[in-house]
């Protein structure tokens, strides 16, 4: 049976927790944050239809994790997001029994995909702006993640004196006074799988409303590029090689508005073969390229 649910994809239940963390940090803790994130493994039940009692929230969040805030760099935030969907050193991606898949508060969006066997982050926006590695972002999360649980990068943090059960309960009470929530929107498969079905239920929200988007996987293809010897070749020959490498960079960047639709699901890996301008040199380098990259 396929693996479905919060532990491998975005779900409304964990989105609710992330929204509650962001709300609590600003409204109760006095620490407005740019983004809040919460791991699916800490969510263990769904909210029932009808009236929601505090015991339901406690069953949903039984670990009573501390709510914390931190100031981190964009580079660190990107590393945390990458860890959510893939193992840090590459290889197999999200494991259904791991529980590290993150959900994010409203205003943050993450797009990721497979590049070969590795999960990569395609883009991230916070408050409608692209994530910048050199910026500092204020975040809210739980102590377990901030201390490096599930293999996340540990960061310095400040505890706000409440746990997730308390923060979500207060958030639900505050929201009920303003805009009542629809509990049926927060269904959650605690096991992360559905043994009775051969397919996962379809994603119901439009892509524009989704916070975590899995884009089509990228195929990695080797691309031999044959360049004249930069010592004996003239400046025009060197420029031709540079132009080819620049074109590869433009094709690989799927988000710059330039060649975005050309090979959209392919990542080209250039391999430069330098050859002197002599008879037979090109054929020899071609044979080397074919031997090194048979496919």
Protein backbone atom coordinates (compact mmCIF):
# COMPACT_ATOMS: atom_id res chain seq x y z
CA UNK A 1 0.00 0.00 0.00
CA UNK A 2 1.23 3.55 -0.64
CA UNK A 3 2.47 5.80 2.13
CA UNK A 4 0.12 8.74 2.64
CA UNK A 5 -0.62 11.37 5.23
CA UNK A 6 1.20 14.01 7.27
CA UNK A 7 4.42 12.06 7.63
CA UNK A 8 5.24 12.26 3.91
CA UNK A 9 3.30 15.27 2.60
CA UNK A 10 1.58 18.47 3.60
CA UNK A 11 -1.57 18.01 5.66
CA UNK A 12 -4.00 20.46 7.20
CA UNK A 13 -3.61 18.98 10.69
CA UNK A 14 0.06 19.90 10.93
CA UNK A 15 -0.54 23.20 9.12
CA UNK A 16 -2.91 24.03 11.98
CA UNK A 17 -0.17 23.38 14.53
CA UNK A 18 2.31 25.54 12.61
CA UNK A 19 -0.24 28.36 12.39
CA UNK A 20 -0.85 28.04 16.14
CA UNK A 21 2.87 28.28 16.91
CA UNK A 22 3.19 31.44 14.84
CA UNK A 23 0.10 32.94 16.47
CA UNK A 24 1.22 32.06 19.99
CA UNK A 25 4.72 33.45 19.49
CA UNK A 26 3.33 36.82 18.40
CA UNK A 27 0.11 37.20 20.39
CA UNK A 28 1.05 35.57 23.69
CA UNK A 29 4.82 35.25 23.68
CA UNK A 30 5.49 38.74 22.35
CA UNK A 31 7.89 37.42 19.70
CA UNK A 32 6.48 37.90 16.18
CA UNK A 33 8.12 35.45 13.79
CA UNK A 34 8.54 35.16 10.03
CA UNK A 35 7.77 31.46 9.89
CA UNK A 36 6.78 28.60 12.17
CA UNK A 37 7.35 24.91 11.45
CA UNK A 38 6.38 21.68 13.17
CA UNK A 39 7.25 18.04 12.51
CA UNK A 40 4.52 15.56 11.62
CA UNK A 41 5.89 12.91 13.99
CA UNK A 42 4.66 14.93 16.97
CA UNK A 43 1.06 14.80 15.69
CA UNK A 44 -0.59 11.55 16.77
CA UNK A 45 -4.34 11.90 16.20
CA UNK A 46 -6.87 13.90 14.23
CA UNK A 47 -9.42 16.41 15.44
CA UNK A 48 -12.96 15.04 15.55
CA UNK A 49 -15.91 16.48 13.70
CA UNK A 50 -18.10 18.64 15.88
CA UNK A 51 -17.10 20.23 19.16
CA UNK A 52 -13.37 20.15 19.97
CA UNK A 53 -12.38 19.65 23.59
CA UNK A 54 -8.96 20.05 25.14
CA UNK A 55 -8.68 16.29 25.53
CA UNK A 56 -8.83 16.03 21.72
CA UNK A 57 -5.94 18.47 21.40
CA UNK A 58 -3.98 16.51 24.00
CA UNK A 59 -4.46 13.29 22.04
CA UNK A 60 -3.36 15.13 18.91
CA UNK A 61 -0.21 16.51 20.59
CA UNK A 62 0.67 14.14 23.45
CA UNK A 63 4.37 15.00 23.76
CA UNK A 64 3.85 18.47 25.28
CA UNK A 65 6.81 19.89 23.37
CA UNK A 66 8.03 23.34 24.43
CA UNK A 67 7.21 26.21 22.09
CA UNK A 68 10.44 28.08 21.28
CA UNK A 69 11.61 30.96 19.10
CA UNK A 70 14.96 31.56 17.43
CA UNK A 71 16.72 33.85 15.01
CA UNK A 72 18.48 31.87 12.29
CA UNK A 73 20.14 32.54 8.97
CA UNK A 74 18.51 31.78 5.65
CA UNK A 75 21.21 29.17 5.12
CA UNK A 76 20.20 27.39 8.33
CA UNK A 77 16.51 27.60 7.48
CA UNK A 78 17.21 26.11 4.06
CA UNK A 79 19.17 23.29 5.72
CA UNK A 80 16.25 22.56 8.05
CA UNK A 81 13.81 22.52 5.14
CA UNK A 82 16.12 20.21 3.18
CA UNK A 83 16.34 17.83 6.14
CA UNK A 84 12.55 17.70 6.23
CA UNK A 85 12.35 16.03 2.82
CA UNK A 86 15.70 14.34 2.34
CA UNK A 87 18.61 12.77 4.14
CA UNK A 88 21.34 15.35 4.56
CA UNK A 89 23.96 13.40 2.62
CA UNK A 90 21.66 12.44 -0.24
CA UNK A 91 20.16 9.06 -0.96
CA UNK A 92 16.66 7.90 -0.05
CA UNK A 93 14.21 10.64 0.89
CA UNK A 94 11.27 10.87 3.28
CA UNK A 95 10.86 7.79 5.47
CA UNK A 96 7.31 7.11 6.66
CA UNK A 97 8.45 6.02 10.11
CA UNK A 98 10.70 9.01 10.65
CA UNK A 99 8.18 11.78 11.27
CA UNK A 100 10.50 14.65 10.35
CA UNK A 101 8.38 15.99 7.49
CA UNK A 102 7.63 19.62 8.36
CA UNK A 103 4.55 21.74 7.90
CA UNK A 104 4.85 25.52 7.77
CA UNK A 105 2.75 28.46 8.87
CA UNK A 106 0.67 30.44 6.40
CA UNK A 107 2.85 32.71 4.30
CA UNK A 108 5.64 30.18 3.81
CA UNK A 109 5.82 27.93 0.75
CA UNK A 110 8.31 25.21 -0.12
CA UNK A 111 8.79 23.45 -3.46
CA UNK A 112 10.98 20.36 -3.65
CA UNK A 113 11.70 17.52 -6.02
CA UNK A 114 13.94 14.54 -6.61
CA UNK A 115 17.15 15.10 -8.54
CA UNK A 116 18.06 11.56 -9.36
CA UNK A 117 17.83 9.82 -5.97
CA UNK A 118 18.38 12.99 -3.93
CA UNK A 119 15.65 15.27 -2.61
CA UNK A 120 16.44 18.92 -3.36
CA UNK A 121 14.77 22.23 -2.54
CA UNK A 122 13.67 24.03 -5.71
CA UNK A 123 12.52 27.24 -4.05
CA UNK A 124 11.25 28.67 -0.78
CA UNK A 125 9.23 31.82 -0.16
CA UNK A 126 8.67 33.49 3.20
CA UNK A 127 6.05 36.23 3.26
CA UNK A 128 5.92 36.18 -0.52
CA UNK A 129 9.67 36.80 -0.89
CA UNK A 130 12.29 34.30 -1.95
CA UNK A 131 14.37 32.86 0.87
CA UNK A 132 17.76 34.57 1.02
CA UNK A 133 20.68 32.72 2.57
CA UNK A 134 22.23 35.93 3.91
CA UNK A 135 19.07 37.14 5.66
CA UNK A 136 18.12 36.49 9.30
CA UNK A 137 14.70 34.97 9.95
CA UNK A 138 12.78 34.73 13.19
CA UNK A 139 11.18 31.31 13.59
CA UNK A 140 8.91 29.47 16.00
CA UNK A 141 9.11 25.73 16.43
CA UNK A 142 9.41 23.16 19.23
CA UNK A 143 12.33 22.43 21.52
CA UNK A 144 12.76 18.95 20.08
CA UNK A 145 13.56 20.31 16.62
CA UNK A 146 15.59 23.29 17.88
CA UNK A 147 17.83 20.93 19.88
CA UNK A 148 18.56 18.80 16.80
CA UNK A 149 15.89 16.09 17.05
CA UNK A 150 15.27 14.04 13.90
CA UNK A 151 18.69 15.13 12.65
CA UNK A 152 17.76 18.80 12.20
CA UNK A 153 20.46 21.42 12.62
CA UNK A 154 20.47 22.55 16.25
CA UNK A 155 20.00 26.28 16.90
CA UNK A 156 20.07 28.61 19.89
CA UNK A 157 16.53 29.30 21.07
CA UNK A 158 14.35 30.91 23.71
CA UNK A 159 11.49 28.94 25.29
CA UNK A 160 8.20 30.84 25.58
CA UNK A 161 6.93 28.99 28.65
CA UNK A 162 4.19 26.96 26.99
CA UNK A 163 3.88 23.61 25.24
CA UNK A 164 2.21 22.77 21.95
CA UNK A 165 -0.95 21.49 23.63
CA UNK A 166 -1.40 24.82 25.42
CA UNK A 167 -0.53 26.92 22.37
CA UNK A 168 -2.91 25.07 20.04
CA UNK A 169 -5.71 25.10 22.64
CA UNK A 170 -5.37 28.85 23.07
CA UNK A 171 -5.22 29.35 19.31
CA UNK A 172 -8.39 27.34 18.76
CA UNK A 173 -10.19 29.31 21.45
CA UNK A 174 -9.09 32.60 19.92
CA UNK A 175 -10.01 31.50 16.41
CA UNK A 176 -13.44 30.30 17.56
CA UNK A 177 -14.23 33.82 18.73
CA UNK A 178 -13.23 35.25 15.33
CA UNK A 179 -13.64 32.68 12.54
CA UNK A 180 -14.81 29.21 13.61
CA UNK A 181 -12.68 26.38 12.25
CA UNK A 182 -14.03 23.43 10.31
CA UNK A 183 -12.68 20.37 12.18
CA UNK A 184 -13.35 18.11 9.19
CA UNK A 185 -10.54 19.95 7.37
CA UNK A 186 -7.95 18.54 9.77
CA UNK A 187 -8.24 14.79 9.18
CA UNK A 188 -4.95 12.99 9.71
CA UNK A 189 -3.66 9.44 9.26
CA UNK A 190 -1.47 9.01 12.32
CA UNK A 191 0.26 5.93 10.87
CA UNK A 192 1.15 7.72 7.66
CA UNK A 193 -0.22 4.88 5.51
CA UNK A 194 -3.50 3.51 4.26
CA UNK A 195 -3.44 -0.27 4.05
CA UNK A 196 -6.95 -0.45 2.64
CA UNK A 197 -6.18 1.60 -0.45
CA UNK A 198 -3.84 1.20 -3.40
CA UNK A 199 -3.69 4.95 -3.98
CA UNK A 200 -3.39 8.02 -1.80
CA UNK A 201 -6.40 10.32 -1.64
CA UNK A 202 -6.10 13.24 -4.06
CA UNK A 203 -4.85 16.63 -2.88
CA UNK A 204 -7.96 18.76 -2.63
CA UNK A 205 -6.53 22.25 -2.26
CA UNK A 206 -5.33 24.10 -5.38
CA UNK A 207 -1.58 24.39 -5.83
CA UNK A 208 -1.71 28.13 -5.12
CA UNK A 209 -2.99 27.36 -1.62
CA UNK A 210 -0.53 24.58 -0.84
CA UNK A 211 2.43 25.24 1.41
CA UNK A 212 4.58 22.25 0.44
CA UNK A 213 4.67 21.30 -3.22
CA UNK A 214 6.44 18.27 -4.63
CA UNK A 215 7.47 19.08 -8.18
CA UNK A 216 8.17 16.41 -10.82
CA UNK A 217 11.48 14.64 -10.33
CA UNK A 218 14.48 15.72 -12.37
CA UNK A 219 16.49 13.33 -14.52
CA UNK A 220 20.24 13.88 -14.30
CA UNK A 221 21.99 13.59 -17.67
CA UNK A 222 25.68 13.85 -18.47
CA UNK A 223 26.50 16.33 -21.24
CA UNK A 224 29.99 16.14 -22.79
CA UNK A 225 31.22 19.52 -24.03
CA UNK A 226 34.22 19.57 -26.35
CA UNK A 227 36.42 22.65 -26.07
CA UNK A 228 39.60 23.62 -27.83
CA UNK A 229 42.76 23.78 -25.77
CA UNK A 230 42.65 27.14 -23.94
CA UNK A 231 46.39 27.58 -24.53
CA UNK A 232 46.48 27.06 -28.26
CA UNK A 233 42.87 28.05 -29.00
CA UNK A 234 42.07 31.67 -29.75
CA UNK A 235 39.77 33.86 -27.64
CA UNK A 236 36.75 33.01 -29.78
CA UNK A 237 37.23 29.29 -29.08
CA UNK A 238 37.36 29.95 -25.33
CA UNK A 239 34.27 32.12 -25.54
CA UNK A 240 32.41 29.35 -27.37
CA UNK A 241 33.15 26.94 -24.52
CA UNK A 242 32.07 29.51 -21.92
CA UNK A 243 28.85 30.16 -23.83
CA UNK A 244 28.07 26.45 -23.81
CA UNK A 245 28.57 26.21 -20.04
CA UNK A 246 26.47 29.33 -19.51
CA UNK A 247 23.69 27.81 -21.62
CA UNK A 248 23.78 24.69 -19.43
CA UNK A 249 23.45 26.85 -16.30
CA UNK A 250 20.47 28.67 -17.84
CA UNK A 251 18.75 25.41 -18.76
CA UNK A 252 19.33 23.96 -15.28
CA UNK A 253 17.85 27.04 -13.59
CA UNK A 254 14.12 26.30 -13.84
CA UNK A 255 13.09 29.49 -12.10
CA UNK A 256 14.78 32.45 -13.78
CA UNK A 257 12.37 32.99 -16.67
CA UNK A 258 15.04 32.02 -19.21
CA UNK A 259 14.78 28.63 -20.94
CA UNK A 260 12.49 27.45 -18.10
CA UNK A 261 10.38 25.33 -20.45
CA UNK A 262 13.37 23.75 -22.18
CA UNK A 263 13.97 20.30 -20.65
CA UNK A 264 11.92 21.20 -17.56
CA UNK A 265 12.51 17.86 -15.83
CA UNK A 266 16.17 17.40 -16.75
CA UNK A 267 19.35 18.54 -14.99
CA UNK A 268 22.38 18.63 -17.28
CA UNK A 269 25.79 17.85 -15.78
CA UNK A 270 28.49 19.23 -18.08
CA UNK A 271 31.75 17.33 -18.57
CA UNK A 272 34.34 19.41 -20.42
CA UNK A 273 36.78 17.65 -22.72
CA UNK A 274 39.67 19.87 -23.83
CA UNK A 275 41.35 18.95 -27.07
CA UNK A 276 44.17 20.45 -29.10
CA UNK A 277 43.49 21.61 -32.60
CA UNK A 278 45.11 18.61 -34.33
CA UNK A 279 43.89 15.87 -36.61
CA UNK A 280 42.25 13.00 -34.76
CA UNK A 281 42.10 14.79 -31.39
CA UNK A 282 38.34 15.28 -31.59
CA UNK A 283 37.66 11.64 -32.37
CA UNK A 284 39.82 10.51 -29.44
CA UNK A 285 38.03 12.77 -26.99
CA UNK A 286 34.69 11.64 -28.36
CA UNK A 287 35.61 7.99 -27.70
CA UNK A 288 36.62 8.93 -24.15
CA UNK A 289 33.31 10.68 -23.57
CA UNK A 290 31.30 7.73 -24.85
CA UNK A 291 33.25 5.35 -22.63
CA UNK A 292 32.79 7.57 -19.56
CA UNK A 293 29.10 8.29 -20.17
CA UNK A 294 27.64 5.35 -22.10
CA UNK A 295 24.03 6.42 -21.45
